[in-house]
Amino acid sequence: MKIIITILIIPFFSFSQKIFTVDYASQADLKVYVTDYASQADLKVYKVDYASQISANSGKWFFVDYASQADKKIFFIDYASQADLKIYFVTYSSQSGWESKSKKHLLY
């Protein structure tokens, strides 16, 4: 019984970082600001090449081509004060993760 439950739960949580960028703020689930420095960000994000590389809310994002494929729709804004979430794009997968866990709930 535990094996069946585990098999059903893992796929649900492991694919929670599919992101689609919308054209208008009103279409977005989240307004995102990209910071200049990692220390200013709530989340350090690594863009993965394949959906199979994402993991549960760890900052590894896969950008999808269609809104219907996304778990979250985001809009990139110009000012940090308007942001729901501040991110910084990192070079390596191992650098991704939450700096401020207070906003982690935004991507569930």
PDB file of N, CA and C in Angstrom:
ATOM      1  N   MET A   1       0.807  -1.191   0.000  1.00  0.00           N
ATOM      2  CA  MET A   1       0.000   0.000   0.000  1.00  0.00           C
ATOM      3  C   MET A   1       0.866   1.276   0.000  1.00  0.00           C
ATOM      4  N   LYS A   2       1.958   1.284   0.772  1.00  0.00           N
ATOM      5  CA  LYS A   2       2.835   2.449   0.826  1.00  0.00           C
ATOM      6  C   LYS A   2       3.489   2.723  -0.515  1.00  0.00           C
ATOM      7  N   ILE A   3       3.807   1.675  -1.246  1.00  0.00           N
ATOM      8  CA  ILE A   3       4.435   1.834  -2.556  1.00  0.00           C
ATOM      9  C   ILE A   3       3.488   2.525  -3.516  1.00  0.00           C
ATOM     10  N   ILE A   4       2.240   2.168  -3.508  1.00  0.00           N
ATOM     11  CA  ILE A   4       1.248   2.774  -4.398  1.00  0.00           C
ATOM     12  C   ILE A   4       1.068   4.245  -4.060  1.00  0.00           C
ATOM     13  N   ILE A   5       0.979   4.573  -2.806  1.00  0.00           N
ATOM     14  CA  ILE A   5       0.821   5.964  -2.398  1.00  0.00           C
ATOM     15  C   ILE A   5       2.039   6.779  -2.802  1.00  0.00           C
ATOM     16  N   THR A   6       3.219   6.268  -2.613  1.00  0.00           N
ATOM     17  CA  THR A   6       4.447   6.955  -2.991  1.00  0.00           C
ATOM     18  C   THR A   6       4.488   7.208  -4.489  1.00  0.00           C
ATOM     19  N   ILE A   7       4.123   6.250  -5.262  1.00  0.00           N
ATOM     20  CA  ILE A   7       4.122   6.390  -6.721  1.00  0.00           C
ATOM     21  C   ILE A   7       3.139   7.465  -7.155  1.00  0.00           C
ATOM     22  N   LEU A   8       2.014   7.571  -6.485  1.00  0.00           N
ATOM     23  CA  LEU A   8       1.017   8.573  -6.840  1.00  0.00           C
ATOM     24  C   LEU A   8       1.403   9.977  -6.397  1.00  0.00           C
ATOM     25  N   ILE A   9       2.097  10.101  -5.280  1.00  0.00           N
ATOM     26  CA  ILE A   9       2.454  11.409  -4.743  1.00  0.00           C
ATOM     27  C   ILE A   9       3.673  12.014  -5.423  1.00  0.00           C
ATOM     28  N   ILE A  10       4.690  11.260  -5.699  1.00  0.00           N
ATOM     29  CA  ILE A  10       5.943  11.785  -6.258  1.00  0.00           C
ATOM     30  C   ILE A  10       5.732  12.557  -7.565  1.00  0.00           C
ATOM     31  N   PRO A  11       5.006  12.049  -8.549  1.00  0.00           N
ATOM     32  CA  PRO A  11       4.840  12.830  -9.771  1.00  0.00           C
ATOM     33  C   PRO A  11       4.116  14.154  -9.535  1.00  0.00           C
ATOM     34  N   PHE A  12       3.210  14.196  -8.564  1.00  0.00           N
ATOM     35  CA  PHE A  12       2.481  15.427  -8.291  1.00  0.00           C
ATOM     36  C   PHE A  12       3.415  16.522  -7.793  1.00  0.00           C
ATOM     37  N   PHE A  13       4.328  16.187  -6.888  1.00  0.00           N
ATOM     38  CA  PHE A  13       5.198  17.183  -6.310  1.00  0.00           C
ATOM     39  C   PHE A  13       6.428  17.472  -7.141  1.00  0.00           C
ATOM     40  N   SER A  14       6.892  16.546  -7.918  1.00  0.00           N
ATOM     41  CA  SER A  14       8.142  16.764  -8.628  1.00  0.00           C
ATOM     42  C   SER A  14       8.000  17.647  -9.862  1.00  0.00           C
ATOM     43  N   PHE A  15       6.814  17.875 -10.318  1.00  0.00           N
ATOM     44  CA  PHE A  15       6.641  18.718 -11.495  1.00  0.00           C
ATOM     45  C   PHE A  15       5.867  19.980 -11.142  1.00  0.00           C
ATOM     46  N   SER A  16       6.410  20.775 -10.222  1.00  0.00           N
ATOM     47  CA  SER A  16       5.710  21.975  -9.787  1.00  0.00           C
ATOM     48  C   SER A  16       6.444  23.253 -10.187  1.00  0.00           C
ATOM     49  N   GLN A  17       7.306  23.187 -11.152  1.00  0.00           N
ATOM     50  CA  GLN A  17       8.079  24.355 -11.540  1.00  0.00           C
ATOM     51  C   GLN A  17       8.030  24.612 -13.050  1.00  0.00           C
ATOM     52  N   LYS A  18       6.929  24.294 -13.669  1.00  0.00           N
ATOM     53  CA  LYS A  18       6.764  24.625 -15.088  1.00  0.00           C
ATOM     54  C   LYS A  18       6.199  26.028 -15.171  1.00  0.00           C
ATOM     55  N   ILE A  19       6.925  26.901 -15.856  1.00  0.00           N
ATOM     56  CA  ILE A  19       6.633  28.332 -15.853  1.00  0.00           C
ATOM     57  C   ILE A  19       6.315  28.806 -17.268  1.00  0.00           C
ATOM     58  N   PHE A  20       5.322  29.697 -17.352  1.00  0.00           N
ATOM     59  CA  PHE A  20       4.991  30.342 -18.617  1.00  0.00           C
ATOM     60  C   PHE A  20       5.008  31.849 -18.398  1.00  0.00           C
ATOM     61  N   THR A  21       5.629  32.569 -19.303  1.00  0.00           N
ATOM     62  CA  THR A  21       5.698  34.024 -19.218  1.00  0.00           C
ATOM     63  C   THR A  21       4.557  34.632 -20.018  1.00  0.00           C
ATOM     64  N   VAL A  22       3.722  35.417 -19.359  1.00  0.00           N
ATOM     65  CA  VAL A  22       2.567  36.049 -20.007  1.00  0.00           C
ATOM     66  C   VAL A  22       2.926  37.464 -20.466  1.00  0.00           C
ATOM     67  N   ASP A  23       2.080  38.011 -21.316  1.00  0.00           N
ATOM     68  CA  ASP A  23       2.325  39.333 -21.888  1.00  0.00           C
ATOM     69  C   ASP A  23       1.813  40.480 -21.026  1.00  0.00           C
ATOM     70  N   TYR A  24       0.855  40.189 -20.145  1.00  0.00           N
ATOM     71  CA  TYR A  24       0.228  41.233 -19.341  1.00  0.00           C
ATOM     72  C   TYR A  24       0.178  40.814 -17.868  1.00  0.00           C
ATOM     73  N   ALA A  25       0.377  41.767 -16.986  1.00  0.00           N
ATOM     74  CA  ALA A  25       0.377  41.491 -15.546  1.00  0.00           C
ATOM     75  C   ALA A  25      -0.937  40.890 -15.080  1.00  0.00           C
ATOM     76  N   SER A  26      -2.027  41.287 -15.697  1.00  0.00           N
ATOM     77  CA  SER A  26      -3.348  40.791 -15.289  1.00  0.00           C
ATOM     78  C   SER A  26      -3.534  39.302 -15.579  1.00  0.00           C
ATOM     79  N   GLN A  27      -2.726  38.737 -16.442  1.00  0.00           N
ATOM     80  CA  GLN A  27      -2.808  37.314 -16.781  1.00  0.00           C
ATOM     81  C   GLN A  27      -1.963  36.449 -15.857  1.00  0.00           C
ATOM     82  N   ALA A  28      -1.131  37.064 -15.051  1.00  0.00           N
ATOM     83  CA  ALA A  28      -0.127  36.334 -14.277  1.00  0.00           C
ATOM     84  C   ALA A  28      -0.631  35.882 -12.913  1.00  0.00           C
ATOM     85  N   ASP A  29      -0.067  34.755 -12.473  1.00  0.00           N
ATOM     86  CA  ASP A  29      -0.261  34.303 -11.102  1.00  0.00           C
ATOM     87  C   ASP A  29       0.695  35.067 -10.178  1.00  0.00           C
ATOM     88  N   LEU A  30       1.865  35.399 -10.721  1.00  0.00           N
ATOM     89  CA  LEU A  30       2.907  36.087  -9.952  1.00  0.00           C
ATOM     90  C   LEU A  30       3.570  37.168 -10.779  1.00  0.00           C
ATOM     91  N   LYS A  31       3.877  38.285 -10.116  1.00  0.00           N
ATOM     92  CA  LYS A  31       4.699  39.322 -10.738  1.00  0.00           C
ATOM     93  C   LYS A  31       6.117  39.122 -10.214  1.00  0.00           C
ATOM     94  N   VAL A  32       7.064  39.019 -11.135  1.00  0.00           N
ATOM     95  CA  VAL A  32       8.440  38.654 -10.792  1.00  0.00           C
ATOM     96  C   VAL A  32       9.398  39.758 -11.206  1.00  0.00           C
ATOM     97  N   TYR A  33      10.338  40.037 -10.318  1.00  0.00           N
ATOM     98  CA  TYR A  33      11.392  41.004 -10.601  1.00  0.00           C
ATOM     99  C   TYR A  33      12.729  40.276 -10.580  1.00  0.00           C
ATOM    100  N   VAL A  34      13.556  40.524 -11.578  1.00  0.00           N
ATOM    101  CA  VAL A  34      14.883  39.912 -11.644  1.00  0.00           C
ATOM    102  C   VAL A  34      15.894  40.886 -11.042  1.00  0.00           C
ATOM    103  N   THR A  35      16.558  40.457  -9.970  1.00  0.00           N
ATOM    104  CA  THR A  35      17.512  41.311  -9.270  1.00  0.00           C
ATOM    105  C   THR A  35      18.890  41.280  -9.930  1.00  0.00           C
ATOM    106  N   ASP A  36      19.707  42.251  -9.566  1.00  0.00           N
ATOM    107  CA  ASP A  36      21.073  42.321 -10.080  1.00  0.00           C
ATOM    108  C   ASP A  36      22.036  41.445  -9.287  1.00  0.00           C
ATOM    109  N   TYR A  37      21.668  41.162  -8.036  1.00  0.00           N
ATOM    110  CA  TYR A  37      22.539  40.391  -7.148  1.00  0.00           C
ATOM    111  C   TYR A  37      21.749  39.293  -6.453  1.00  0.00           C
ATOM    112  N   ALA A  38      22.390  38.164  -6.228  1.00  0.00           N
ATOM    113  CA  ALA A  38      21.741  37.023  -5.575  1.00  0.00           C
ATOM    114  C   ALA A  38      21.253  37.368  -4.177  1.00  0.00           C
ATOM    115  N   SER A  39      21.970  38.217  -3.477  1.00  0.00           N
ATOM    116  CA  SER A  39      21.604  38.579  -2.106  1.00  0.00           C
ATOM    117  C   SER A  39      20.305  39.379  -2.019  1.00  0.00           C
ATOM    118  N   GLN A  40      19.874  39.963  -3.130  1.00  0.00           N
ATOM    119  CA  GLN A  40      18.640  40.745  -3.148  1.00  0.00           C
ATOM    120  C   GLN A  40      17.411  39.880  -3.445  1.00  0.00           C
ATOM    121  N   ALA A  41      17.617  38.650  -3.849  1.00  0.00           N
ATOM    122  CA  ALA A  41      16.535  37.789  -4.324  1.00  0.00           C
ATOM    123  C   ALA A  41      15.907  36.952  -3.218  1.00  0.00           C
ATOM    124  N   ASP A  42      14.637  36.624  -3.428  1.00  0.00           N
ATOM    125  CA  ASP A  42      13.948  35.657  -2.566  1.00  0.00           C
ATOM    126  C   ASP A  42      14.291  34.246  -3.015  1.00  0.00           C
ATOM    127  N   LEU A  43      14.468  34.092  -4.340  1.00  0.00           N
ATOM    128  CA  LEU A  43      14.711  32.779  -4.934  1.00  0.00           C
ATOM    129  C   LEU A  43      15.801  32.875  -5.988  1.00  0.00           C
ATOM    130  N   LYS A  44      16.747  31.951  -5.931  1.00  0.00           N
ATOM    131  CA  LYS A  44      17.757  31.850  -6.986  1.00  0.00           C
ATOM    132  C   LYS A  44      17.277  30.766  -7.947  1.00  0.00           C
ATOM    133  N   VAL A  45      17.132  31.133  -9.213  1.00  0.00           N
ATOM    134  CA  VAL A  45      16.521  30.273 -10.222  1.00  0.00           C
ATOM    135  C   VAL A  45      17.550  29.776 -11.225  1.00  0.00           C
ATOM    136  N   TYR A  46      17.449  28.490 -11.532  1.00  0.00           N
ATOM    137  CA  TYR A  46      18.252  27.882 -12.594  1.00  0.00           C
ATOM    138  C   TYR A  46      17.291  27.401 -13.668  1.00  0.00           C
ATOM    139  N   LYS A  47      17.511  27.832 -14.899  1.00  0.00           N
ATOM    140  CA  LYS A  47      16.662  27.392 -16.015  1.00  0.00           C
ATOM    141  C   LYS A  47      17.160  26.051 -16.528  1.00  0.00           C
ATOM    142  N   VAL A  48      16.302  25.033 -16.440  1.00  0.00           N
ATOM    143  CA  VAL A  48      16.674  23.699 -16.915  1.00  0.00           C
ATOM    144  C   VAL A  48      16.265  23.533 -18.367  1.00  0.00           C
ATOM    145  N   ASP A  49      16.879  22.565 -19.029  1.00  0.00           N
ATOM    146  CA  ASP A  49      16.613  22.323 -20.448  1.00  0.00           C
ATOM    147  C   ASP A  49      15.443  21.376 -20.692  1.00  0.00           C
ATOM    148  N   TYR A  50      15.154  20.547 -19.704  1.00  0.00           N
ATOM    149  CA  TYR A  50      14.101  19.534 -19.875  1.00  0.00           C
ATOM    150  C   TYR A  50      13.194  19.507 -18.651  1.00  0.00           C
ATOM    151  N   ALA A  51      11.928  19.245 -18.860  1.00  0.00           N
ATOM    152  CA  ALA A  51      10.958  19.192 -17.767  1.00  0.00           C
ATOM    153  C   ALA A  51      11.315  18.130 -16.736  1.00  0.00           C
ATOM    154  N   SER A  52      11.963  17.081 -17.159  1.00  0.00           N
ATOM    155  CA  SER A  52      12.330  16.001 -16.240  1.00  0.00           C
ATOM    156  C   SER A  52      13.411  16.424 -15.234  1.00  0.00           C
ATOM    157  N   GLN A  53      14.042  17.570 -15.444  1.00  0.00           N
ATOM    158  CA  GLN A  53      15.103  18.034 -14.554  1.00  0.00           C
ATOM    159  C   GLN A  53      14.596  18.888 -13.393  1.00  0.00           C
ATOM    160  N   ILE A  54      13.333  19.253 -13.416  1.00  0.00           N
ATOM    161  CA  ILE A  54      12.813  20.093 -12.337  1.00  0.00           C
ATOM    162  C   ILE A  54      12.532  19.263 -11.102  1.00  0.00           C
ATOM    163  N   SER A  55      12.564  19.936  -9.963  1.00  0.00           N
ATOM    164  CA  SER A  55      12.252  19.273  -8.704  1.00  0.00           C
ATOM    165  C   SER A  55      11.353  20.183  -7.884  1.00  0.00           C
ATOM    166  N   ALA A  56      10.743  19.622  -6.902  1.00  0.00           N
ATOM    167  CA  ALA A  56       9.691  20.305  -6.142  1.00  0.00           C
ATOM    168  C   ALA A  56      10.161  21.603  -5.488  1.00  0.00           C
ATOM    169  N   ASN A  57       9.733  22.706  -6.032  1.00  0.00           N
ATOM    170  CA  ASN A  57       9.907  24.042  -5.462  1.00  0.00           C
ATOM    171  C   ASN A  57      11.332  24.318  -4.983  1.00  0.00           C
ATOM    172  N   SER A  58      12.294  23.992  -5.826  1.00  0.00           N
ATOM    173  CA  SER A  58      13.702  24.161  -5.446  1.00  0.00           C
ATOM    174  C   SER A  58      14.419  25.231  -6.266  1.00  0.00           C
ATOM    175  N   GLY A  59      13.693  25.934  -7.118  1.00  0.00           N
ATOM    176  CA  GLY A  59      14.317  26.980  -7.916  1.00  0.00           C
ATOM    177  C   GLY A  59      14.772  26.533  -9.289  1.00  0.00           C
ATOM    178  N   LYS A  60      14.463  25.306  -9.663  1.00  0.00           N
ATOM    179  CA  LYS A  60      14.775  24.826 -11.014  1.00  0.00           C
ATOM    180  C   LYS A  60      13.508  24.974 -11.840  1.00  0.00           C
ATOM    181  N   TRP A  61      13.560  25.895 -12.797  1.00  0.00           N
ATOM    182  CA  TRP A  61      12.389  26.222 -13.600  1.00  0.00           C
ATOM    183  C   TRP A  61      12.561  25.722 -15.021  1.00  0.00           C
ATOM    184  N   PHE A  62      11.452  25.229 -15.563  1.00  0.00           N
ATOM    185  CA  PHE A  62      11.381  24.855 -16.963  1.00  0.00           C
ATOM    186  C   PHE A  62      10.327  25.756 -17.602  1.00  0.00           C
ATOM    187  N   PHE A  63      10.730  26.517 -18.601  1.00  0.00           N
ATOM    188  CA  PHE A  63       9.811  27.425 -19.279  1.00  0.00           C
ATOM    189  C   PHE A  63       9.098  26.681 -20.400  1.00  0.00           C
ATOM    190  N   VAL A  64       7.774  26.650 -20.333  1.00  0.00           N
ATOM    191  CA  VAL A  64       6.971  25.932 -21.312  1.00  0.00           C
ATOM    192  C   VAL A  64       6.503  26.885 -22.413  1.00  0.00           C
ATOM    193  N   ASP A  65       6.051  26.303 -23.513  1.00  0.00           N
ATOM    194  CA  ASP A  65       5.651  27.104 -24.670  1.00  0.00           C
ATOM    195  C   ASP A  65       4.202  27.572 -24.623  1.00  0.00           C
ATOM    196  N   TYR A  66       3.375  26.915 -23.819  1.00  0.00           N
ATOM    197  CA  TYR A  66       1.941  27.230 -23.779  1.00  0.00           C
ATOM    198  C   TYR A  66       1.467  27.385 -22.338  1.00  0.00           C
ATOM    199  N   ALA A  67       0.578  28.333 -22.123  1.00  0.00           N
ATOM    200  CA  ALA A  67       0.054  28.601 -20.778  1.00  0.00           C
ATOM    201  C   ALA A  67      -0.626  27.376 -20.174  1.00  0.00           C
ATOM    202  N   SER A  68      -1.255  26.579 -20.996  1.00  0.00           N
ATOM    203  CA  SER A  68      -1.960  25.395 -20.495  1.00  0.00           C
ATOM    204  C   SER A  68      -1.017  24.331 -19.928  1.00  0.00           C
ATOM    205  N   GLN A  69       0.248  24.389 -20.271  1.00  0.00           N
ATOM    206  CA  GLN A  69       1.242  23.429 -19.766  1.00  0.00           C
ATOM    207  C   GLN A  69       1.857  23.871 -18.438  1.00  0.00           C
ATOM    208  N   ALA A  70       1.635  25.119 -18.060  1.00  0.00           N
ATOM    209  CA  ALA A  70       2.337  25.705 -16.913  1.00  0.00           C
ATOM    210  C   ALA A  70       1.653  25.432 -15.587  1.00  0.00           C
ATOM    211  N   ASP A  71       2.490  25.336 -14.564  1.00  0.00           N
ATOM    212  CA  ASP A  71       1.990  25.295 -13.189  1.00  0.00           C
ATOM    213  C   ASP A  71       1.778  26.719 -12.687  1.00  0.00           C
ATOM    214  N   LYS A  72       2.629  27.623 -13.124  1.00  0.00           N
ATOM    215  CA  LYS A  72       2.515  29.036 -12.745  1.00  0.00           C
ATOM    216  C   LYS A  72       2.766  29.910 -13.953  1.00  0.00           C
ATOM    217  N   LYS A  73       1.969  30.992 -14.051  1.00  0.00           N
ATOM    218  CA  LYS A  73       2.163  31.988 -15.092  1.00  0.00           C
ATOM    219  C   LYS A  73       2.755  33.227 -14.426  1.00  0.00           C
ATOM    220  N   ILE A  74       3.838  33.733 -15.011  1.00  0.00           N
ATOM    221  CA  ILE A  74       4.511  34.877 -14.416  1.00  0.00           C
ATOM    222  C   ILE A  74       4.598  36.036 -15.401  1.00  0.00           C
ATOM    223  N   PHE A  75       4.756  37.220 -14.830  1.00  0.00           N
ATOM    224  CA  PHE A  75       4.964  38.430 -15.608  1.00  0.00           C
ATOM    225  C   PHE A  75       6.185  39.128 -15.026  1.00  0.00           C
ATOM    226  N   PHE A  76       7.155  39.436 -15.862  1.00  0.00           N
ATOM    227  CA  PHE A  76       8.362  40.124 -15.422  1.00  0.00           C
ATOM    228  C   PHE A  76       8.089  41.627 -15.372  1.00  0.00           C
ATOM    229  N   ILE A  77       8.343  42.235 -14.225  1.00  0.00           N
ATOM    230  CA  ILE A  77       8.094  43.661 -14.046  1.00  0.00           C
ATOM    231  C   ILE A  77       9.409  44.419 -13.947  1.00  0.00           C
ATOM    232  N   ASP A  78       9.305  45.752 -14.008  1.00  0.00           N
ATOM    233  CA  ASP A  78      10.494  46.603 -14.040  1.00  0.00           C
ATOM    234  C   ASP A  78      10.938  47.129 -12.679  1.00  0.00           C
ATOM    235  N   TYR A  79      10.057  47.046 -11.681  1.00  0.00           N
ATOM    236  CA  TYR A  79      10.379  47.625 -10.376  1.00  0.00           C
ATOM    237  C   TYR A  79      10.196  46.601  -9.260  1.00  0.00           C
ATOM    238  N   ALA A  80      11.182  46.513  -8.379  1.00  0.00           N
ATOM    239  CA  ALA A  80      11.153  45.549  -7.282  1.00  0.00           C
ATOM    240  C   ALA A  80       9.973  45.769  -6.349  1.00  0.00           C
ATOM    241  N   SER A  81       9.570  47.008  -6.186  1.00  0.00           N
ATOM    242  CA  SER A  81       8.473  47.320  -5.268  1.00  0.00           C
ATOM    243  C   SER A  81       7.124  46.754  -5.732  1.00  0.00           C
ATOM    244  N   GLN A  82       7.004  46.427  -7.008  1.00  0.00           N
ATOM    245  CA  GLN A  82       5.760  45.871  -7.550  1.00  0.00           C
ATOM    246  C   GLN A  82       5.748  44.341  -7.534  1.00  0.00           C
ATOM    247  N   ALA A  83       6.846  43.736  -7.149  1.00  0.00           N
ATOM    248  CA  ALA A  83       7.011  42.287  -7.293  1.00  0.00           C
ATOM    249  C   ALA A  83       6.369  41.497  -6.162  1.00  0.00           C
ATOM    250  N   ASP A  84       5.813  40.350  -6.549  1.00  0.00           N
ATOM    251  CA  ASP A  84       5.391  39.351  -5.571  1.00  0.00           C
ATOM    252  C   ASP A  84       6.604  38.516  -5.164  1.00  0.00           C
ATOM    253  N   LEU A  85       7.504  38.347  -6.125  1.00  0.00           N
ATOM    254  CA  LEU A  85       8.671  37.495  -5.921  1.00  0.00           C
ATOM    255  C   LEU A  85       9.879  38.099  -6.628  1.00  0.00           C
ATOM    256  N   LYS A  86      11.014  38.147  -5.936  1.00  0.00           N
ATOM    257  CA  LYS A  86      12.266  38.632  -6.537  1.00  0.00           C
ATOM    258  C   LYS A  86      13.163  37.429  -6.775  1.00  0.00           C
ATOM    259  N   ILE A  87      13.658  37.317  -8.020  1.00  0.00           N
ATOM    260  CA  ILE A  87      14.502  36.175  -8.369  1.00  0.00           C
ATOM    261  C   ILE A  87      15.845  36.649  -8.921  1.00  0.00           C
ATOM    262  N   TYR A  88      16.782  35.711  -8.913  1.00  0.00           N
ATOM    263  CA  TYR A  88      18.093  35.938  -9.516  1.00  0.00           C
ATOM    264  C   TYR A  88      18.424  34.674 -10.293  1.00  0.00           C
ATOM    265  N   PHE A  89      18.782  34.812 -11.574  1.00  0.00           N
ATOM    266  CA  PHE A  89      19.131  33.652 -12.394  1.00  0.00           C
ATOM    267  C   PHE A  89      20.582  33.259 -12.129  1.00  0.00           C
ATOM    268  N   VAL A  90      20.788  31.992 -11.774  1.00  0.00           N
ATOM    269  CA  VAL A  90      22.124  31.485 -11.469  1.00  0.00           C
ATOM    270  C   VAL A  90      22.664  30.655 -12.633  1.00  0.00           C
ATOM    271  N   THR A  91      23.959  30.439 -12.625  1.00  0.00           N
ATOM    272  CA  THR A  91      24.646  29.738 -13.697  1.00  0.00           C
ATOM    273  C   THR A  91      24.616  28.223 -13.534  1.00  0.00           C
ATOM    274  N   TYR A  92      24.627  27.769 -12.287  1.00  0.00           N
ATOM    275  CA  TYR A  92      24.702  26.331 -12.017  1.00  0.00           C
ATOM    276  C   TYR A  92      23.494  25.849 -11.222  1.00  0.00           C
ATOM    277  N   SER A  93      23.084  24.640 -11.499  1.00  0.00           N
ATOM    278  CA  SER A  93      21.936  24.027 -10.841  1.00  0.00           C
ATOM    279  C   SER A  93      22.093  23.984  -9.325  1.00  0.00           C
ATOM    280  N   SER A  94      23.280  23.724  -8.871  1.00  0.00           N
ATOM    281  CA  SER A  94      23.540  23.603  -7.426  1.00  0.00           C
ATOM    282  C   SER A  94      23.378  24.930  -6.679  1.00  0.00           C
ATOM    283  N   GLN A  95      23.357  26.037  -7.392  1.00  0.00           N
ATOM    284  CA  GLN A  95      23.210  27.347  -6.761  1.00  0.00           C
ATOM    285  C   GLN A  95      21.749  27.729  -6.541  1.00  0.00           C
ATOM    286  N   SER A  96      20.829  27.006  -7.156  1.00  0.00           N
ATOM    287  CA  SER A  96      19.412  27.365  -7.060  1.00  0.00           C
ATOM    288  C   SER A  96      18.865  27.071  -5.669  1.00  0.00           C
ATOM    289  N   GLY A  97      17.840  27.822  -5.305  1.00  0.00           N
ATOM    290  CA  GLY A  97      17.194  27.594  -4.018  1.00  0.00           C
ATOM    291  C   GLY A  97      16.647  28.872  -3.415  1.00  0.00           C
ATOM    292  N   TRP A  98      15.951  28.714  -2.322  1.00  0.00           N
ATOM    293  CA  TRP A  98      15.295  29.821  -1.644  1.00  0.00           C
ATOM    294  C   TRP A  98      16.261  30.551  -0.718  1.00  0.00           C
ATOM    295  N   GLU A  99      16.288  31.857  -0.831  1.00  0.00           N
ATOM    296  CA  GLU A  99      17.016  32.716   0.096  1.00  0.00           C
ATOM    297  C   GLU A  99      16.069  33.124   1.222  1.00  0.00           C
ATOM    298  N   SER A 100      14.821  33.370   0.855  1.00  0.00           N
ATOM    299  CA  SER A 100      13.801  33.786   1.808  1.00  0.00           C
ATOM    300  C   SER A 100      12.650  32.784   1.744  1.00  0.00           C
ATOM    301  N   LYS A 101      12.545  31.951   2.732  1.00  0.00           N
ATOM    302  CA  LYS A 101      11.516  30.906   2.726  1.00  0.00           C
ATOM    303  C   LYS A 101      10.113  31.458   2.980  1.00  0.00           C
ATOM    304  N   SER A 102      10.009  32.718   3.336  1.00  0.00           N
ATOM    305  CA  SER A 102       8.715  33.324   3.622  1.00  0.00           C
ATOM    306  C   SER A 102       7.821  33.414   2.382  1.00  0.00           C
ATOM    307  N   LYS A 103       8.410  33.337   1.211  1.00  0.00           N
ATOM    308  CA  LYS A 103       7.618  33.415  -0.028  1.00  0.00           C
ATOM    309  C   LYS A 103       7.524  32.090  -0.763  1.00  0.00           C
ATOM    310  N   LYS A 104       7.988  31.046  -0.142  1.00  0.00           N
ATOM    311  CA  LYS A 104       8.005  29.722  -0.771  1.00  0.00           C
ATOM    312  C   LYS A 104       6.603  29.257  -1.158  1.00  0.00           C
ATOM    313  N   HIS A 105       5.628  29.650  -0.393  1.00  0.00           N
ATOM    314  CA  HIS A 105       4.236  29.238  -0.652  1.00  0.00           C
ATOM    315  C   HIS A 105       3.704  29.754  -1.999  1.00  0.00           C
ATOM    316  N   LEU A 106       4.306  30.789  -2.553  1.00  0.00           N
ATOM    317  CA  LEU A 106       3.837  31.356  -3.814  1.00  0.00           C
ATOM    318  C   LEU A 106       3.948  30.388  -4.989  1.00  0.00           C
ATOM    319  N   LEU A 107       4.858  29.424  -4.904  1.00  0.00           N
ATOM    320  CA  LEU A 107       5.057  28.511  -6.021  1.00  0.00           C
ATOM    321  C   LEU A 107       4.487  27.112  -5.783  1.00  0.00           C
ATOM    322  N   TYR A 108       3.635  26.964  -4.797  1.00  0.00           N
ATOM    323  CA  TYR A 108       2.966  25.662  -4.605  1.00  0.00           C
ATOM    324  C   TYR A 108       1.683  25.627  -5.373  1.00  0.00           C
TER     325      TYR A 108
END
